[in-house]
């Protein structure tokens, strides 16, 4: 897989995630109705894992191990709580800004990081393109169940 293929593999499901919540009003996006999370919470959650990718991937390229989180559930809960006071606009902007920074980072990363199944690609997959569909499907199922 080359860089362009990997960039597409990251960006295509991200765009599907964004499309899943596009058009919802503020009330719908801020009501915690998806396993106790709101759409806003899911947006912040995805942004937080892209941010983590931006922190971890340079360390992986250096042959170092990224820090552990003390439990993913605890990390996720902390990230959601951190964004509770932010507006929906702020959280969506963070998602878009973080994704843009991630794509720019990937455009500048060494080509060798993409060519084989490296620790770099493994971490990227976990934090991005294998992660987005889970939340896209949750939002779409929620919308369908509520006729939104």
Protein backbone atom coordinates (compact mmCIF):
# COMPACT_ATOMS: atom_id res chain seq x y z
CA UNK A 1 0.00 0.00 0.00
CA UNK A 2 1.39 3.40 -0.87
CA UNK A 3 0.81 6.75 0.82
CA UNK A 4 -2.14 7.78 -1.39
CA UNK A 5 -3.92 4.49 -0.80
CA UNK A 6 -3.44 4.82 2.94
CA UNK A 7 -4.58 8.45 2.96
CA UNK A 8 -7.72 7.36 1.15
CA UNK A 9 -8.18 4.47 3.58
CA UNK A 10 -8.09 6.99 6.44
CA UNK A 11 -10.14 9.75 4.86
CA UNK A 12 -12.97 7.82 3.21
CA UNK A 13 -14.44 6.31 6.43
CA UNK A 14 -13.82 9.61 8.25
CA UNK A 15 -15.98 11.38 5.66
CA UNK A 16 -18.65 8.70 6.15
CA UNK A 17 -18.55 9.41 9.90
CA UNK A 18 -19.03 13.15 9.28
CA UNK A 19 -21.85 12.43 6.83
CA UNK A 20 -23.59 10.28 9.48
CA UNK A 21 -24.20 13.29 11.73
CA UNK A 22 -24.47 16.02 9.11
CA UNK A 23 -27.87 17.69 9.14
CA UNK A 24 -28.74 16.86 12.75
CA UNK A 25 -29.84 19.77 14.90
CA UNK A 26 -28.08 20.80 18.12
CA UNK A 27 -30.66 19.13 20.36
CA UNK A 28 -30.31 15.80 18.56
CA UNK A 29 -26.52 15.99 18.64
CA UNK A 30 -26.29 16.81 22.34
CA UNK A 31 -28.78 14.31 23.79
CA UNK A 32 -26.98 11.29 25.30
CA UNK A 33 -28.96 8.59 23.54
CA UNK A 34 -26.30 6.29 22.03
CA UNK A 35 -25.24 3.99 24.87
CA UNK A 36 -25.19 7.01 27.17
CA UNK A 37 -23.20 9.15 24.75
CA UNK A 38 -24.42 11.96 22.56
CA UNK A 39 -23.40 12.43 18.94
CA UNK A 40 -21.32 15.36 20.23
CA UNK A 41 -19.58 12.93 22.62
CA UNK A 42 -18.85 10.55 19.73
CA UNK A 43 -17.42 13.41 17.68
CA UNK A 44 -15.14 14.38 20.55
CA UNK A 45 -14.20 10.75 21.07
CA UNK A 46 -13.10 10.34 17.45
CA UNK A 47 -11.18 13.64 17.63
CA UNK A 48 -9.42 12.49 20.81
CA UNK A 49 -8.20 9.28 19.17
CA UNK A 50 -6.95 11.16 16.12
CA UNK A 51 -5.09 13.46 18.53
CA UNK A 52 -3.62 10.39 20.20
CA UNK A 53 -2.50 9.13 16.79
CA UNK A 54 -0.72 12.44 16.23
CA UNK A 55 1.12 11.96 19.54
CA UNK A 56 1.86 8.25 19.13
CA UNK A 57 2.85 7.92 15.47
CA UNK A 58 6.05 10.01 15.72
CA UNK A 59 7.11 7.92 18.73
CA UNK A 60 6.41 4.71 16.82
CA UNK A 61 8.53 5.95 13.91
CA UNK A 62 11.38 6.56 16.36
CA UNK A 63 11.06 2.98 17.61
CA UNK A 64 9.64 4.12 20.96
CA UNK A 65 6.44 3.00 22.64
CA UNK A 66 3.65 5.49 23.23
CA UNK A 67 2.50 5.92 26.83
CA UNK A 68 -0.29 3.73 28.16
CA UNK A 69 -3.64 5.21 29.14
CA UNK A 70 -4.41 3.46 32.42
CA UNK A 71 -7.34 1.78 30.75
CA UNK A 72 -9.12 2.74 27.54
CA UNK A 73 -12.50 3.13 29.24
CA UNK A 74 -11.02 5.56 31.76
CA UNK A 75 -9.24 7.47 28.99
CA UNK A 76 -12.44 7.68 26.92
CA UNK A 77 -14.49 8.86 29.91
CA UNK A 78 -11.90 11.52 30.71
CA UNK A 79 -11.91 12.77 27.13
CA UNK A 80 -15.71 12.99 27.08
CA UNK A 81 -15.76 14.82 30.41
CA UNK A 82 -13.08 17.23 29.19
CA UNK A 83 -15.33 18.25 26.30
CA UNK A 84 -18.61 18.53 28.23
CA UNK A 85 -18.27 22.30 28.63
CA UNK A 86 -17.36 22.84 24.98
CA UNK A 87 -20.00 23.84 22.48
CA UNK A 88 -21.03 21.53 19.68
CA UNK A 89 -19.38 23.96 17.27
CA UNK A 90 -16.08 23.71 19.19
CA UNK A 91 -16.13 19.91 19.20
CA UNK A 92 -16.94 19.66 15.48
CA UNK A 93 -14.23 22.22 14.71
CA UNK A 94 -11.76 20.19 16.79
CA UNK A 95 -12.68 17.06 14.83
CA UNK A 96 -12.11 18.77 11.49
CA UNK A 97 -8.92 20.54 12.58
CA UNK A 98 -7.45 17.38 14.09
CA UNK A 99 -8.26 15.35 11.00
CA UNK A 100 -6.64 17.97 8.79
CA UNK A 101 -3.50 17.93 10.96
CA UNK A 102 -3.46 14.12 10.82
CA UNK A 103 -3.65 14.11 7.03
CA UNK A 104 -0.87 16.70 6.80
CA UNK A 105 1.26 14.61 9.14
CA UNK A 106 0.67 11.49 7.05
CA UNK A 107 1.55 13.37 3.85
CA UNK A 108 4.95 14.19 5.36
CA UNK A 109 5.66 10.82 7.03
CA UNK A 110 8.31 8.58 5.48
CA UNK A 111 7.02 6.43 2.62
CA UNK A 112 8.51 3.33 4.27
CA UNK A 113 5.98 3.66 7.09
CA UNK A 114 3.19 2.82 4.63
CA UNK A 115 4.59 0.06 2.46
CA UNK A 116 4.30 -2.90 4.82
CA UNK A 117 2.28 -3.75 7.90
CA UNK A 118 4.44 -1.82 10.34
CA UNK A 119 3.74 -0.79 13.95
CA UNK A 120 3.05 2.64 12.45
CA UNK A 121 0.28 1.32 10.20
CA UNK A 122 -1.09 -0.84 12.99
CA UNK A 123 -1.42 2.14 15.34
CA UNK A 124 -2.85 4.31 12.57
CA UNK A 125 -5.47 1.66 11.75
CA UNK A 126 -6.55 1.31 15.40
CA UNK A 127 -6.92 5.06 15.95
CA UNK A 128 -8.54 5.89 12.61
CA UNK A 129 -9.97 3.82 9.80
CA UNK A 130 -10.91 0.73 11.80
CA UNK A 131 -12.32 3.00 14.54
CA UNK A 132 -14.54 5.37 12.53
CA UNK A 133 -16.98 2.76 11.15
CA UNK A 134 -18.02 1.61 14.62
CA UNK A 135 -19.24 5.11 15.45
CA UNK A 136 -20.62 5.79 11.99
CA UNK A 137 -22.82 2.69 12.30
CA UNK A 138 -23.94 3.71 15.81
CA UNK A 139 -25.03 7.17 14.63
CA UNK A 140 -26.78 5.78 11.55
CA UNK A 141 -28.62 3.14 13.59
CA UNK A 142 -29.66 5.80 16.12
CA UNK A 143 -30.89 8.08 13.32
CA UNK A 144 -32.85 5.27 11.70
CA UNK A 145 -34.47 4.24 14.98
CA UNK A 146 -35.59 7.83 15.59
CA UNK A 147 -36.46 8.74 12.02
CA UNK A 148 -33.82 11.47 11.88
